[in-house]
Amino acid sequence: ELENQLTTKSKTLDELKQSLAMNGSAEETPEALSLRIAELCEKVDSIVSQVAQLKTSMQSVLEQWRVYDEVYAEVSLMTARYVYCIDQCKPSVVSLEALKNQVKTLQ
């Protein structure tokens, strides 16, 4: 979206340059307008550069999130397996009478 806006603004600046070259302005001298347009062009170039850096940075962040999601899914699966194993390994709760009967049976 930023790139599209920058492209639109760049086109507007180009049109302004062409208009200045053809018509001039009664309010400001052509030199002053040329300086302002040059400054605007420099700012647009700077913003384009910043957007490119931001895009690169965002791609890096997205890659890191992708890796995080993969590792998180793996850890979640392992945790579920360990919880299941722990639940299966717990001794079942037996009443005192049942234990007494088992002791008698074993004796």
PDB file of N, CA and C in Angstrom:
ATOM      1  N   GLU A   1       0.828  -1.192   0.000  1.00  0.00           N
ATOM      2  CA  GLU A   1       0.000   0.000   0.000  1.00  0.00           C
ATOM      3  C   GLU A   1       0.867   1.249   0.000  1.00  0.00           C
ATOM      4  N   LEU A   2       1.918   1.230   0.843  1.00  0.00           N
ATOM      5  CA  LEU A   2       2.843   2.366   0.870  1.00  0.00           C
ATOM      6  C   LEU A   2       3.519   2.553  -0.480  1.00  0.00           C
ATOM      7  N   GLU A   3       3.915   1.439  -1.071  1.00  0.00           N
ATOM      8  CA  GLU A   3       4.578   1.526  -2.371  1.00  0.00           C
ATOM      9  C   GLU A   3       3.647   2.130  -3.421  1.00  0.00           C
ATOM     10  N   ASN A   4       2.380   1.751  -3.388  1.00  0.00           N
ATOM     11  CA  ASN A   4       1.414   2.317  -4.336  1.00  0.00           C
ATOM     12  C   ASN A   4       1.236   3.809  -4.112  1.00  0.00           C
ATOM     13  N   GLN A   5       1.164   4.218  -2.847  1.00  0.00           N
ATOM     14  CA  GLN A   5       1.033   5.638  -2.542  1.00  0.00           C
ATOM     15  C   GLN A   5       2.263   6.407  -3.006  1.00  0.00           C
ATOM     16  N   LEU A   6       3.427   5.818  -2.790  1.00  0.00           N
ATOM     17  CA  LEU A   6       4.657   6.477  -3.225  1.00  0.00           C
ATOM     18  C   LEU A   6       4.703   6.615  -4.741  1.00  0.00           C
ATOM     19  N   THR A   7       4.263   5.595  -5.439  1.00  0.00           N
ATOM     20  CA  THR A   7       4.228   5.662  -6.901  1.00  0.00           C
ATOM     21  C   THR A   7       3.295   6.780  -7.356  1.00  0.00           C
ATOM     22  N   THR A   8       2.152   6.888  -6.715  1.00  0.00           N
ATOM     23  CA  THR A   8       1.196   7.946  -7.055  1.00  0.00           C
ATOM     24  C   THR A   8       1.802   9.323  -6.798  1.00  0.00           C
ATOM     25  N   LYS A   9       2.454   9.475  -5.661  1.00  0.00           N
ATOM     26  CA  LYS A   9       3.071  10.762  -5.331  1.00  0.00           C
ATOM     27  C   LYS A   9       4.206  11.094  -6.291  1.00  0.00           C
ATOM     28  N   SER A  10       4.951  10.081  -6.689  1.00  0.00           N
ATOM     29  CA  SER A  10       6.037  10.315  -7.650  1.00  0.00           C
ATOM     30  C   SER A  10       5.485  10.794  -8.982  1.00  0.00           C
ATOM     31  N   LYS A  11       4.394  10.196  -9.422  1.00  0.00           N
ATOM     32  CA  LYS A  11       3.765  10.634 -10.667  1.00  0.00           C
ATOM     33  C   LYS A  11       3.277  12.074 -10.544  1.00  0.00           C
ATOM     34  N   THR A  12       2.706  12.401  -9.387  1.00  0.00           N
ATOM     35  CA  THR A  12       2.238  13.771  -9.159  1.00  0.00           C
ATOM     36  C   THR A  12       3.399  14.754  -9.222  1.00  0.00           C
ATOM     37  N   LEU A  13       4.530  14.370  -8.635  1.00  0.00           N
ATOM     38  CA  LEU A  13       5.712  15.229  -8.690  1.00  0.00           C
ATOM     39  C   LEU A  13       6.209  15.409 -10.116  1.00  0.00           C
ATOM     40  N   ASP A  14       6.205  14.330 -10.882  1.00  0.00           N
ATOM     41  CA  ASP A  14       6.621  14.429 -12.279  1.00  0.00           C
ATOM     42  C   ASP A  14       5.702  15.366 -13.062  1.00  0.00           C
ATOM     43  N   GLU A  15       4.407  15.238 -12.815  1.00  0.00           N
ATOM     44  CA  GLU A  15       3.453  16.127 -13.483  1.00  0.00           C
ATOM     45  C   GLU A  15       3.689  17.579 -13.072  1.00  0.00           C
ATOM     46  N   LEU A  16       4.005  17.782 -11.808  1.00  0.00           N
ATOM     47  CA  LEU A  16       4.289  19.134 -11.317  1.00  0.00           C
ATOM     48  C   LEU A  16       5.541  19.701 -11.975  1.00  0.00           C
ATOM     49  N   LYS A  17       6.555  18.840 -12.140  1.00  0.00           N
ATOM     50  CA  LYS A  17       7.771  19.282 -12.836  1.00  0.00           C
ATOM     51  C   LYS A  17       7.451  19.712 -14.261  1.00  0.00           C
ATOM     52  N   GLN A  18       6.672  18.896 -14.945  1.00  0.00           N
ATOM     53  CA  GLN A  18       6.319  19.204 -16.335  1.00  0.00           C
ATOM     54  C   GLN A  18       5.497  20.487 -16.406  1.00  0.00           C
ATOM     55  N   SER A  19       4.582  20.629 -15.480  1.00  0.00           N
ATOM     56  CA  SER A  19       3.742  21.829 -15.453  1.00  0.00           C
ATOM     57  C   SER A  19       4.592  23.061 -15.202  1.00  0.00           C
ATOM     58  N   LEU A  20       5.554  22.933 -14.307  1.00  0.00           N
ATOM     59  CA  LEU A  20       6.446  24.053 -13.995  1.00  0.00           C
ATOM     60  C   LEU A  20       7.268  24.416 -15.218  1.00  0.00           C
ATOM     61  N   ALA A  21       7.741  23.418 -15.913  1.00  0.00           N
ATOM     62  CA  ALA A  21       8.558  23.679 -17.092  1.00  0.00           C
ATOM     63  C   ALA A  21       7.746  24.398 -18.172  1.00  0.00           C
ATOM     64  N   MET A  22       6.484  24.075 -18.290  1.00  0.00           N
ATOM     65  CA  MET A  22       5.658  24.661 -19.333  1.00  0.00           C
ATOM     66  C   MET A  22       5.102  26.038 -18.945  1.00  0.00           C
ATOM     67  N   ASN A  23       4.559  26.114 -17.742  1.00  0.00           N
ATOM     68  CA  ASN A  23       3.802  27.312 -17.366  1.00  0.00           C
ATOM     69  C   ASN A  23       4.549  28.291 -16.476  1.00  0.00           C
ATOM     70  N   GLY A  24       5.254  27.785 -15.532  1.00  0.00           N
ATOM     71  CA  GLY A  24       5.820  28.676 -14.521  1.00  0.00           C
ATOM     72  C   GLY A  24       4.728  29.028 -13.530  1.00  0.00           C
ATOM     73  N   SER A  25       5.042  29.872 -12.551  1.00  0.00           N
ATOM     74  CA  SER A  25       4.061  30.253 -11.547  1.00  0.00           C
ATOM     75  C   SER A  25       4.209  31.716 -11.221  1.00  0.00           C
ATOM     76  N   ALA A  26       3.096  32.368 -11.058  1.00  0.00           N
ATOM     77  CA  ALA A  26       3.131  33.794 -10.746  1.00  0.00           C
ATOM     78  C   ALA A  26       3.455  34.014  -9.279  1.00  0.00           C
ATOM     79  N   GLU A  27       3.107  33.070  -8.441  1.00  0.00           N
ATOM     80  CA  GLU A  27       3.303  33.245  -6.999  1.00  0.00           C
ATOM     81  C   GLU A  27       4.756  33.020  -6.595  1.00  0.00           C
ATOM     82  N   GLU A  28       5.394  32.031  -7.163  1.00  0.00           N
ATOM     83  CA  GLU A  28       6.777  31.725  -6.809  1.00  0.00           C
ATOM     84  C   GLU A  28       7.620  31.715  -8.076  1.00  0.00           C
ATOM     85  N   THR A  29       8.862  31.974  -7.880  1.00  0.00           N
ATOM     86  CA  THR A  29       9.767  31.944  -9.027  1.00  0.00           C
ATOM     87  C   THR A  29       9.987  30.502  -9.448  1.00  0.00           C
ATOM     88  N   PRO A  30      10.289  30.294 -10.703  1.00  0.00           N
ATOM     89  CA  PRO A  30      10.540  28.922 -11.170  1.00  0.00           C
ATOM     90  C   PRO A  30      11.701  28.261 -10.419  1.00  0.00           C
ATOM     91  N   GLU A  31      12.682  29.063 -10.046  1.00  0.00           N
ATOM     92  CA  GLU A  31      13.826  28.500  -9.318  1.00  0.00           C
ATOM     93  C   GLU A  31      13.388  27.988  -7.946  1.00  0.00           C
ATOM     94  N   ALA A  32      12.545  28.777  -7.265  1.00  0.00           N
ATOM     95  CA  ALA A  32      12.069  28.367  -5.938  1.00  0.00           C
ATOM     96  C   ALA A  32      11.228  27.095  -6.051  1.00  0.00           C
ATOM     97  N   LEU A  33      10.366  27.058  -7.063  1.00  0.00           N
ATOM     98  CA  LEU A  33       9.557  25.853  -7.266  1.00  0.00           C
ATOM     99  C   LEU A  33      10.431  24.651  -7.615  1.00  0.00           C
ATOM    100  N   SER A  34      11.437  24.883  -8.435  1.00  0.00           N
ATOM    101  CA  SER A  34      12.343  23.790  -8.792  1.00  0.00           C
ATOM    102  C   SER A  34      13.048  23.256  -7.554  1.00  0.00           C
ATOM    103  N   LEU A  35      13.462  24.153  -6.666  1.00  0.00           N
ATOM    104  CA  LEU A  35      14.113  23.717  -5.424  1.00  0.00           C
ATOM    105  C   LEU A  35      13.148  22.912  -4.554  1.00  0.00           C
ATOM    106  N   ARG A  36      11.922  23.393  -4.457  1.00  0.00           N
ATOM    107  CA  ARG A  36      10.931  22.674  -3.643  1.00  0.00           C
ATOM    108  C   ARG A  36      10.644  21.301  -4.238  1.00  0.00           C
ATOM    109  N   ILE A  37      10.528  21.249  -5.546  1.00  0.00           N
ATOM    110  CA  ILE A  37      10.268  19.967  -6.203  1.00  0.00           C
ATOM    111  C   ILE A  37      11.459  19.039  -6.015  1.00  0.00           C
ATOM    112  N   ALA A  38      12.656  19.562  -6.106  1.00  0.00           N
ATOM    113  CA  ALA A  38      13.856  18.744  -5.895  1.00  0.00           C
ATOM    114  C   ALA A  38      13.881  18.194  -4.465  1.00  0.00           C
ATOM    115  N   GLU A  39      13.521  19.033  -3.502  1.00  0.00           N
ATOM    116  CA  GLU A  39      13.472  18.583  -2.112  1.00  0.00           C
ATOM    117  C   GLU A  39      12.427  17.484  -1.946  1.00  0.00           C
ATOM    118  N   LEU A  40      11.274  17.683  -2.574  1.00  0.00           N
ATOM    119  CA  LEU A  40      10.230  16.663  -2.494  1.00  0.00           C
ATOM    120  C   LEU A  40      10.686  15.354  -3.131  1.00  0.00           C
ATOM    121  N   CYS A  41      11.387  15.456  -4.246  1.00  0.00           N
ATOM    122  CA  CYS A  41      11.905  14.249  -4.902  1.00  0.00           C
ATOM    123  C   CYS A  41      12.896  13.515  -4.003  1.00  0.00           C
ATOM    124  N   GLU A  42      13.745  14.276  -3.321  1.00  0.00           N
ATOM    125  CA  GLU A  42      14.708  13.666  -2.399  1.00  0.00           C
ATOM    126  C   GLU A  42      13.978  12.976  -1.257  1.00  0.00           C
ATOM    127  N   LYS A  43      12.930  13.618  -0.749  1.00  0.00           N
ATOM    128  CA  LYS A  43      12.157  13.006   0.335  1.00  0.00           C
ATOM    129  C   LYS A  43      11.468  11.735  -0.143  1.00  0.00           C
ATOM    130  N   VAL A  44      10.927  11.774  -1.356  1.00  0.00           N
ATOM    131  CA  VAL A  44      10.283  10.581  -1.909  1.00  0.00           C
ATOM    132  C   VAL A  44      11.310   9.461  -2.046  1.00  0.00           C
ATOM    133  N   ASP A  45      12.491   9.777  -2.550  1.00  0.00           N
ATOM    134  CA  ASP A  45      13.546   8.763  -2.679  1.00  0.00           C
ATOM    135  C   ASP A  45      13.913   8.178  -1.315  1.00  0.00           C
ATOM    136  N   SER A  46      13.993   9.053  -0.326  1.00  0.00           N
ATOM    137  CA  SER A  46      14.313   8.605   1.027  1.00  0.00           C
ATOM    138  C   SER A  46      13.224   7.672   1.554  1.00  0.00           C
ATOM    139  N   ILE A  47      11.978   8.041   1.318  1.00  0.00           N
ATOM    140  CA  ILE A  47      10.869   7.210   1.785  1.00  0.00           C
ATOM    141  C   ILE A  47      10.846   5.883   1.049  1.00  0.00           C
ATOM    142  N   VAL A  48      11.127   5.908  -0.240  1.00  0.00           N
ATOM    143  CA  VAL A  48      11.181   4.658  -1.012  1.00  0.00           C
ATOM    144  C   VAL A  48      12.256   3.748  -0.429  1.00  0.00           C
ATOM    145  N   SER A  49      13.386   4.329  -0.084  1.00  0.00           N
ATOM    146  CA  SER A  49      14.467   3.543   0.515  1.00  0.00           C
ATOM    147  C   SER A  49      14.037   2.970   1.865  1.00  0.00           C
ATOM    148  N   GLN A  50      13.372   3.783   2.669  1.00  0.00           N
ATOM    149  CA  GLN A  50      12.910   3.316   3.976  1.00  0.00           C
ATOM    150  C   GLN A  50      11.872   2.208   3.835  1.00  0.00           C
ATOM    151  N   VAL A  51      10.990   2.330   2.856  1.00  0.00           N
ATOM    152  CA  VAL A  51       9.984   1.294   2.617  1.00  0.00           C
ATOM    153  C   VAL A  51      10.668  -0.008   2.201  1.00  0.00           C
ATOM    154  N   ALA A  52      11.688   0.086   1.382  1.00  0.00           N
ATOM    155  CA  ALA A  52      12.427  -1.116   0.965  1.00  0.00           C
ATOM    156  C   ALA A  52      13.092  -1.777   2.168  1.00  0.00           C
ATOM    157  N   GLN A  53      13.681  -0.967   3.050  1.00  0.00           N
ATOM    158  CA  GLN A  53      14.298  -1.517   4.256  1.00  0.00           C
ATOM    159  C   GLN A  53      13.240  -2.159   5.158  1.00  0.00           C
ATOM    160  N   LEU A  54      12.104  -1.487   5.276  1.00  0.00           N
ATOM    161  CA  LEU A  54      11.022  -2.017   6.092  1.00  0.00           C
ATOM    162  C   LEU A  54      10.515  -3.337   5.526  1.00  0.00           C
ATOM    163  N   LYS A  55      10.413  -3.408   4.215  1.00  0.00           N
ATOM    164  CA  LYS A  55       9.957  -4.632   3.565  1.00  0.00           C
ATOM    165  C   LYS A  55      10.914  -5.783   3.858  1.00  0.00           C
ATOM    166  N   THR A  56      12.215  -5.515   3.748  1.00  0.00           N
ATOM    167  CA  THR A  56      13.222  -6.529   4.049  1.00  0.00           C
ATOM    168  C   THR A  56      13.127  -6.971   5.508  1.00  0.00           C
ATOM    169  N   SER A  57      12.992  -5.994   6.378  1.00  0.00           N
ATOM    170  CA  SER A  57      12.877  -6.289   7.805  1.00  0.00           C
ATOM    171  C   SER A  57      11.631  -7.116   8.096  1.00  0.00           C
ATOM    172  N   MET A  58      10.523  -6.766   7.474  1.00  0.00           N
ATOM    173  CA  MET A  58       9.282  -7.494   7.697  1.00  0.00           C
ATOM    174  C   MET A  58       9.375  -8.921   7.179  1.00  0.00           C
ATOM    175  N   GLN A  59      10.072  -9.126   6.068  1.00  0.00           N
ATOM    176  CA  GLN A  59      10.253 -10.479   5.552  1.00  0.00           C
ATOM    177  C   GLN A  59      11.048 -11.317   6.545  1.00  0.00           C
ATOM    178  N   SER A  60      12.051 -10.696   7.163  1.00  0.00           N
ATOM    179  CA  SER A  60      12.848 -11.394   8.164  1.00  0.00           C
ATOM    180  C   SER A  60      11.981 -11.755   9.371  1.00  0.00           C
ATOM    181  N   VAL A  61      11.160 -10.818   9.801  1.00  0.00           N
ATOM    182  CA  VAL A  61      10.278 -11.066  10.947  1.00  0.00           C
ATOM    183  C   VAL A  61       9.279 -12.173  10.622  1.00  0.00           C
ATOM    184  N   LEU A  62       8.719 -12.149   9.422  1.00  0.00           N
ATOM    185  CA  LEU A  62       7.780 -13.199   9.016  1.00  0.00           C
ATOM    186  C   LEU A  62       8.443 -14.570   9.009  1.00  0.00           C
ATOM    187  N   GLU A  63       9.681 -14.624   8.554  1.00  0.00           N
ATOM    188  CA  GLU A  63      10.415 -15.888   8.546  1.00  0.00           C
ATOM    189  C   GLU A  63      10.632 -16.382   9.976  1.00  0.00           C
ATOM    190  N   GLN A  64      10.988 -15.466  10.870  1.00  0.00           N
ATOM    191  CA  GLN A  64      11.176 -15.850  12.276  1.00  0.00           C
ATOM    192  C   GLN A  64       9.874 -16.349  12.894  1.00  0.00           C
ATOM    193  N   TRP A  65       8.753 -15.723  12.574  1.00  0.00           N
ATOM    194  CA  TRP A  65       7.460 -16.177  13.088  1.00  0.00           C
ATOM    195  C   TRP A  65       7.116 -17.557  12.522  1.00  0.00           C
ATOM    196  N   ARG A  66       7.452 -17.798  11.252  1.00  0.00           N
ATOM    197  CA  ARG A  66       7.181 -19.102  10.658  1.00  0.00           C
ATOM    198  C   ARG A  66       7.952 -20.192  11.408  1.00  0.00           C
ATOM    199  N   VAL A  67       9.224 -19.920  11.695  1.00  0.00           N
ATOM    200  CA  VAL A  67      10.043 -20.874  12.447  1.00  0.00           C
ATOM    201  C   VAL A  67       9.460 -21.075  13.842  1.00  0.00           C
ATOM    202  N   TYR A  68       9.045 -19.973  14.476  1.00  0.00           N
ATOM    203  CA  TYR A  68       8.446 -20.053  15.812  1.00  0.00           C
ATOM    204  C   TYR A  68       7.197 -20.935  15.781  1.00  0.00           C
ATOM    205  N   ASP A  69       6.336 -20.732  14.794  1.00  0.00           N
ATOM    206  CA  ASP A  69       5.113 -21.523  14.696  1.00  0.00           C
ATOM    207  C   ASP A  69       5.416 -23.007  14.535  1.00  0.00           C
ATOM    208  N   GLU A  70       6.427 -23.330  13.722  1.00  0.00           N
ATOM    209  CA  GLU A  70       6.797 -24.734  13.532  1.00  0.00           C
ATOM    210  C   GLU A  70       7.289 -25.347  14.838  1.00  0.00           C
ATOM    211  N   VAL A  71       8.167 -24.636  15.532  1.00  0.00           N
ATOM    212  CA  VAL A  71       8.717 -25.153  16.787  1.00  0.00           C
ATOM    213  C   VAL A  71       7.617 -25.253  17.848  1.00  0.00           C
ATOM    214  N   TYR A  72       6.737 -24.244  17.887  1.00  0.00           N
ATOM    215  CA  TYR A  72       5.641 -24.265  18.857  1.00  0.00           C
ATOM    216  C   TYR A  72       4.733 -25.477  18.626  1.00  0.00           C
ATOM    217  N   ALA A  73       4.422 -25.765  17.382  1.00  0.00           N
ATOM    218  CA  ALA A  73       3.579 -26.926  17.071  1.00  0.00           C
ATOM    219  C   ALA A  73       4.263 -28.218  17.518  1.00  0.00           C
ATOM    220  N   GLU A  74       5.565 -28.310  17.278  1.00  0.00           N
ATOM    221  CA  GLU A  74       6.314 -29.506  17.680  1.00  0.00           C
ATOM    222  C   GLU A  74       6.337 -29.652  19.201  1.00  0.00           C
ATOM    223  N   VAL A  75       6.583 -28.556  19.904  1.00  0.00           N
ATOM    224  CA  VAL A  75       6.619 -28.594  21.373  1.00  0.00           C
ATOM    225  C   VAL A  75       5.235 -28.930  21.929  1.00  0.00           C
ATOM    226  N   SER A  76       4.197 -28.388  21.327  1.00  0.00           N
ATOM    227  CA  SER A  76       2.833 -28.687  21.786  1.00  0.00           C
ATOM    228  C   SER A  76       2.527 -30.175  21.631  1.00  0.00           C
ATOM    229  N   LEU A  77       2.920 -30.752  20.511  1.00  0.00           N
ATOM    230  CA  LEU A  77       2.698 -32.170  20.280  1.00  0.00           C
ATOM    231  C   LEU A  77       3.472 -33.009  21.299  1.00  0.00           C
ATOM    232  N   MET A  78       4.729 -32.655  21.534  1.00  0.00           N
ATOM    233  CA  MET A  78       5.533 -33.397  22.501  1.00  0.00           C
ATOM    234  C   MET A  78       4.938 -33.280  23.901  1.00  0.00           C
ATOM    235  N   THR A  79       4.468 -32.097  24.254  1.00  0.00           N
ATOM    236  CA  THR A  79       3.863 -31.892  25.575  1.00  0.00           C
ATOM    237  C   THR A  79       2.612 -32.758  25.723  1.00  0.00           C
ATOM    238  N   ALA A  80       1.794 -32.804  24.690  1.00  0.00           N
ATOM    239  CA  ALA A  80       0.586 -33.640  24.740  1.00  0.00           C
ATOM    240  C   ALA A  80       0.955 -35.104  24.911  1.00  0.00           C
ATOM    241  N   ARG A  81       2.002 -35.555  24.221  1.00  0.00           N
ATOM    242  CA  ARG A  81       2.442 -36.950  24.358  1.00  0.00           C
ATOM    243  C   ARG A  81       2.924 -37.244  25.782  1.00  0.00           C
ATOM    244  N   TYR A  82       3.706 -36.305  26.346  1.00  0.00           N
ATOM    245  CA  TYR A  82       4.216 -36.509  27.706  1.00  0.00           C
ATOM    246  C   TYR A  82       3.083 -36.511  28.722  1.00  0.00           C
ATOM    247  N   VAL A  83       2.120 -35.645  28.553  1.00  0.00           N
ATOM    248  CA  VAL A  83       0.973 -35.619  29.474  1.00  0.00           C
ATOM    249  C   VAL A  83       0.222 -36.936  29.386  1.00  0.00           C
ATOM    250  N   TYR A  84       0.035 -37.438  28.168  1.00  0.00           N
ATOM    251  CA  TYR A  84      -0.642 -38.715  27.996  1.00  0.00           C
ATOM    252  C   TYR A  84       0.136 -39.842  28.686  1.00  0.00           C
ATOM    253  N   CYS A  85       1.446 -39.864  28.477  1.00  0.00           N
ATOM    254  CA  CYS A  85       2.276 -40.910  29.100  1.00  0.00           C
ATOM    255  C   CYS A  85       2.215 -40.831  30.619  1.00  0.00           C
ATOM    256  N   ILE A  86       2.279 -39.626  31.150  1.00  0.00           N
ATOM    257  CA  ILE A  86       2.233 -39.456  32.612  1.00  0.00           C
ATOM    258  C   ILE A  86       0.885 -39.939  33.138  1.00  0.00           C
ATOM    259  N   ASP A  87      -0.185 -39.595  32.417  1.00  0.00           N
ATOM    260  CA  ASP A  87      -1.510 -40.047  32.845  1.00  0.00           C
ATOM    261  C   ASP A  87      -1.609 -41.565  32.820  1.00  0.00           C
ATOM    262  N   GLN A  88      -0.985 -42.210  31.841  1.00  0.00           N
ATOM    263  CA  GLN A  88      -1.041 -43.667  31.736  1.00  0.00           C
ATOM    264  C   GLN A  88      -0.190 -44.345  32.796  1.00  0.00           C
ATOM    265  N   CYS A  89       0.850 -43.687  33.254  1.00  0.00           N
ATOM    266  CA  CYS A  89       1.769 -44.285  34.215  1.00  0.00           C
ATOM    267  C   CYS A  89       1.339 -44.091  35.664  1.00  0.00           C
ATOM    268  N   LYS A  90       0.362 -43.254  35.902  1.00  0.00           N
ATOM    269  CA  LYS A  90      -0.094 -43.016  37.278  1.00  0.00           C
ATOM    270  C   LYS A  90      -0.738 -44.291  37.817  1.00  0.00           C
ATOM    271  N   PRO A  91      -0.422 -44.599  39.069  1.00  0.00           N
ATOM    272  CA  PRO A  91      -1.101 -45.765  39.652  1.00  0.00           C
ATOM    273  C   PRO A  91      -2.576 -45.418  39.857  1.00  0.00           C
ATOM    274  N   SER A  92      -3.400 -46.405  39.613  1.00  0.00           N
ATOM    275  CA  SER A  92      -4.824 -46.156  39.810  1.00  0.00           C
ATOM    276  C   SER A  92      -5.124 -46.088  41.300  1.00  0.00           C
ATOM    277  N   VAL A  93      -6.073 -45.263  41.655  1.00  0.00           N
ATOM    278  CA  VAL A  93      -6.435 -45.090  43.058  1.00  0.00           C
ATOM    279  C   VAL A  93      -7.309 -46.277  43.468  1.00  0.00           C
ATOM    280  N   VAL A  94      -6.856 -46.954  44.499  1.00  0.00           N
ATOM    281  CA  VAL A  94      -7.550 -48.157  44.946  1.00  0.00           C
ATOM    282  C   VAL A  94      -7.950 -47.955  46.402  1.00  0.00           C
ATOM    283  N   SER A  95      -9.086 -48.481  46.757  1.00  0.00           N
ATOM    284  CA  SER A  95      -9.553 -48.346  48.137  1.00  0.00           C
ATOM    285  C   SER A  95      -8.747 -49.258  49.053  1.00  0.00           C
ATOM    286  N   LEU A  96      -8.830 -48.973  50.315  1.00  0.00           N
ATOM    287  CA  LEU A  96      -8.090 -49.749  51.305  1.00  0.00           C
ATOM    288  C   LEU A  96      -8.584 -51.200  51.333  1.00  0.00           C
ATOM    289  N   GLU A  97      -9.887 -51.381  51.202  1.00  0.00           N
ATOM    290  CA  GLU A  97     -10.428 -52.743  51.215  1.00  0.00           C
ATOM    291  C   GLU A  97      -9.965 -53.546  50.017  1.00  0.00           C
ATOM    292  N   ALA A  98      -9.901 -52.894  48.856  1.00  0.00           N
ATOM    293  CA  ALA A  98      -9.452 -53.592  47.656  1.00  0.00           C
ATOM    294  C   ALA A  98      -8.003 -54.020  47.831  1.00  0.00           C
ATOM    295  N   LEU A  99      -7.202 -53.162  48.447  1.00  0.00           N
ATOM    296  CA  LEU A  99      -5.804 -53.543  48.701  1.00  0.00           C
ATOM    297  C   LEU A  99      -5.727 -54.721  49.680  1.00  0.00           C
ATOM    298  N   LYS A 100      -6.555 -54.692  50.702  1.00  0.00           N
ATOM    299  CA  LYS A 100      -6.550 -55.795  51.672  1.00  0.00           C
ATOM    300  C   LYS A 100      -6.930 -57.119  50.994  1.00  0.00           C
ATOM    301  N   ASN A 101      -7.944 -57.052  50.129  1.00  0.00           N
ATOM    302  CA  ASN A 101      -8.371 -58.257  49.401  1.00  0.00           C
ATOM    303  C   ASN A 101      -7.259 -58.760  48.479  1.00  0.00           C
ATOM    304  N   GLN A 102      -6.550 -57.828  47.857  1.00  0.00           N
ATOM    305  CA  GLN A 102      -5.450 -58.225  46.962  1.00  0.00           C
ATOM    306  C   GLN A 102      -4.332 -58.864  47.774  1.00  0.00           C
ATOM    307  N   VAL A 103      -4.056 -58.337  48.974  1.00  0.00           N
ATOM    308  CA  VAL A 103      -3.015 -58.924  49.827  1.00  0.00           C
ATOM    309  C   VAL A 103      -3.423 -60.330  50.246  1.00  0.00           C
ATOM    310  N   LYS A 104      -4.678 -60.511  50.610  1.00  0.00           N
ATOM    311  CA  LYS A 104      -5.155 -61.841  51.008  1.00  0.00           C
ATOM    312  C   LYS A 104      -5.035 -62.811  49.843  1.00  0.00           C
ATOM    313  N   THR A 105      -5.390 -62.325  48.637  1.00  0.00           N
ATOM    314  CA  THR A 105      -5.328 -63.187  47.465  1.00  0.00           C
ATOM    315  C   THR A 105      -3.895 -63.588  47.183  1.00  0.00           C
ATOM    316  N   LEU A 106      -3.002 -62.638  47.322  1.00  0.00           N
ATOM    317  CA  LEU A 106      -1.602 -62.936  47.061  1.00  0.00           C
ATOM    318  C   LEU A 106      -1.010 -63.867  48.121  1.00  0.00           C
ATOM    319  N   GLN A 107      -1.493 -63.747  49.350  1.00  0.00           N
ATOM    320  CA  GLN A 107      -0.970 -64.635  50.400  1.00  0.00           C
ATOM    321  C   GLN A 107      -1.455 -66.044  50.171  1.00  0.00           C
TER     322      GLN A 107
END
